[in-house]
Amino acid sequence: MIQSSFVENRSIYFRVLSDDQIWEIKRAAFEVLEKVGCQMLHKGAAKLLKEAGAIVEGDRVKVPQYIVEECIRTAPKGMTIYNRDG
């Protein structure tokens, strides 16, 4: 029998990294941001990060893990994108 208006959703579950590997990558990224930092050419952004607790040395900003985690926590979970016609 043919069923009309029938939709079947299937997805393939594929993981490249284990949870431990993901944790190691995140830990390494936090360490780089905190110890090495990044070049921040926008003075306003550097000022905001300094006020939040980051260490600013010239144009290099070292960002502690708690600042990054707070930014991730408060970032929007998604957004709607519209075309030119709305």
C-alpha atoms as a PDB file:
ATOM      1  CA  MET A   1       0.000   0.000   0.000  1.00  0.00           C
ATOM      2  CA  ILE A   2       1.296   3.492  -0.829  1.00  0.00           C
ATOM      3  CA  GLN A   3       1.006   6.062   1.919  1.00  0.00           C
ATOM      4  CA  SER A   4       0.659   9.660   0.874  1.00  0.00           C
ATOM      5  CA  SER A   5       1.952  12.511   3.035  1.00  0.00           C
ATOM      6  CA  PHE A   6       4.278  10.106   4.807  1.00  0.00           C
ATOM      7  CA  VAL A   7       7.634  11.423   5.952  1.00  0.00           C
ATOM      8  CA  GLU A   8      10.284   9.343   7.609  1.00  0.00           C
ATOM      9  CA  ASN A   9      13.157  11.093   9.332  1.00  0.00           C
ATOM     10  CA  ARG A  10      16.377   9.174   9.556  1.00  0.00           C
ATOM     11  CA  SER A  11      19.808  10.381  10.448  1.00  0.00           C
ATOM     12  CA  ILE A  12      23.150   8.706  10.655  1.00  0.00           C
ATOM     13  CA  TYR A  13      24.976   9.147  13.933  1.00  0.00           C
ATOM     14  CA  PHE A  14      28.673   9.611  13.285  1.00  0.00           C
ATOM     15  CA  ARG A  15      31.270  10.701  15.816  1.00  0.00           C
ATOM     16  CA  VAL A  16      34.834  11.515  14.957  1.00  0.00           C
ATOM     17  CA  LEU A  17      35.995  12.449  18.463  1.00  0.00           C
ATOM     18  CA  SER A  18      35.287  10.888  21.827  1.00  0.00           C
ATOM     19  CA  ASP A  19      34.057  12.960  24.770  1.00  0.00           C
ATOM     20  CA  ASP A  20      37.553  12.820  26.279  1.00  0.00           C
ATOM     21  CA  GLN A  21      39.126  14.095  23.051  1.00  0.00           C
ATOM     22  CA  ILE A  22      36.623  16.959  22.869  1.00  0.00           C
ATOM     23  CA  TRP A  23      37.396  17.861  26.487  1.00  0.00           C
ATOM     24  CA  GLU A  24      41.155  17.871  25.739  1.00  0.00           C
ATOM     25  CA  ILE A  25      40.685  20.209  22.761  1.00  0.00           C
ATOM     26  CA  LYS A  26      38.531  22.608  24.805  1.00  0.00           C
ATOM     27  CA  ARG A  27      41.051  22.539  27.669  1.00  0.00           C
ATOM     28  CA  ALA A  28      43.915  23.301  25.256  1.00  0.00           C
ATOM     29  CA  ALA A  29      41.956  26.183  23.676  1.00  0.00           C
ATOM     30  CA  PHE A  30      41.235  27.689  27.105  1.00  0.00           C
ATOM     31  CA  GLU A  31      44.912  27.350  28.015  1.00  0.00           C
ATOM     32  CA  VAL A  32      46.063  29.112  24.831  1.00  0.00           C
ATOM     33  CA  LEU A  33      43.635  31.994  25.370  1.00  0.00           C
ATOM     34  CA  GLU A  34      44.694  32.345  28.996  1.00  0.00           C
ATOM     35  CA  LYS A  35      48.479  31.949  28.671  1.00  0.00           C
ATOM     36  CA  VAL A  36      49.309  33.104  25.135  1.00  0.00           C
ATOM     37  CA  GLY A  37      46.282  35.268  24.418  1.00  0.00           C
ATOM     38  CA  CYS A  38      45.385  36.795  21.098  1.00  0.00           C
ATOM     39  CA  GLN A  39      46.138  39.988  19.231  1.00  0.00           C
ATOM     40  CA  MET A  40      43.311  42.476  19.705  1.00  0.00           C
ATOM     41  CA  LEU A  41      43.523  45.429  17.321  1.00  0.00           C
ATOM     42  CA  HIS A  42      40.149  46.878  18.287  1.00  0.00           C
ATOM     43  CA  LYS A  43      40.805  49.136  21.288  1.00  0.00           C
ATOM     44  CA  GLY A  44      37.152  49.162  22.350  1.00  0.00           C
ATOM     45  CA  ALA A  45      37.017  45.366  22.471  1.00  0.00           C
ATOM     46  CA  ALA A  46      40.286  45.238  24.423  1.00  0.00           C
ATOM     47  CA  LYS A  47      38.885  47.748  26.910  1.00  0.00           C
ATOM     48  CA  LEU A  48      35.708  45.683  27.408  1.00  0.00           C
ATOM     49  CA  LEU A  49      37.742  42.517  27.950  1.00  0.00           C
ATOM     50  CA  LYS A  50      40.006  44.307  30.436  1.00  0.00           C
ATOM     51  CA  GLU A  51      36.964  45.509  32.375  1.00  0.00           C
ATOM     52  CA  ALA A  52      35.709  41.911  32.426  1.00  0.00           C
ATOM     53  CA  GLY A  53      38.998  40.693  33.931  1.00  0.00           C
ATOM     54  CA  ALA A  54      41.261  39.906  30.989  1.00  0.00           C
ATOM     55  CA  ILE A  55      44.934  40.884  31.015  1.00  0.00           C
ATOM     56  CA  VAL A  56      45.799  43.461  28.341  1.00  0.00           C
ATOM     57  CA  GLU A  57      49.475  43.895  27.389  1.00  0.00           C
ATOM     58  CA  GLY A  58      49.719  46.277  24.439  1.00  0.00           C
ATOM     59  CA  ASP A  59      47.643  44.717  21.676  1.00  0.00           C
ATOM     60  CA  ARG A  60      47.777  41.232  23.246  1.00  0.00           C
ATOM     61  CA  VAL A  61      44.833  40.144  25.382  1.00  0.00           C
ATOM     62  CA  LYS A  62      44.940  37.101  27.652  1.00  0.00           C
ATOM     63  CA  VAL A  63      41.430  35.890  28.369  1.00  0.00           C
ATOM     64  CA  PRO A  64      40.727  33.702  31.436  1.00  0.00           C
ATOM     65  CA  GLN A  65      38.512  30.652  31.067  1.00  0.00           C
ATOM     66  CA  TYR A  66      35.667  32.090  33.157  1.00  0.00           C
ATOM     67  CA  ILE A  67      35.219  34.986  30.698  1.00  0.00           C
ATOM     68  CA  VAL A  68      35.054  32.649  27.699  1.00  0.00           C
ATOM     69  CA  GLU A  69      32.582  30.348  29.459  1.00  0.00           C
ATOM     70  CA  GLU A  70      30.360  33.302  30.415  1.00  0.00           C
ATOM     71  CA  CYS A  71      30.372  34.544  26.817  1.00  0.00           C
ATOM     72  CA  ILE A  72      29.392  31.090  25.562  1.00  0.00           C
ATOM     73  CA  ARG A  73      26.694  30.771  28.230  1.00  0.00           C
ATOM     74  CA  THR A  74      25.108  34.117  27.369  1.00  0.00           C
ATOM     75  CA  ALA A  75      25.407  33.879  23.565  1.00  0.00           C
ATOM     76  CA  PRO A  76      22.143  33.375  21.651  1.00  0.00           C
ATOM     77  CA  LYS A  77      21.332  29.724  20.993  1.00  0.00           C
ATOM     78  CA  GLY A  78      20.294  30.483  17.428  1.00  0.00           C
ATOM     79  CA  MET A  79      19.191  33.173  15.035  1.00  0.00           C
ATOM     80  CA  THR A  80      16.779  33.649  12.164  1.00  0.00           C
ATOM     81  CA  ILE A  81      18.236  34.632   8.820  1.00  0.00           C
ATOM     82  CA  TYR A  82      16.040  36.429   6.306  1.00  0.00           C
ATOM     83  CA  ASN A  83      16.485  37.061   2.604  1.00  0.00           C
ATOM     84  CA  ARG A  84      15.995  40.452   0.950  1.00  0.00           C
ATOM     85  CA  ASP A  85      12.254  39.891   0.737  1.00  0.00           C
ATOM     86  CA  GLY A  86      11.921  39.200   4.449  1.00  0.00           C
END
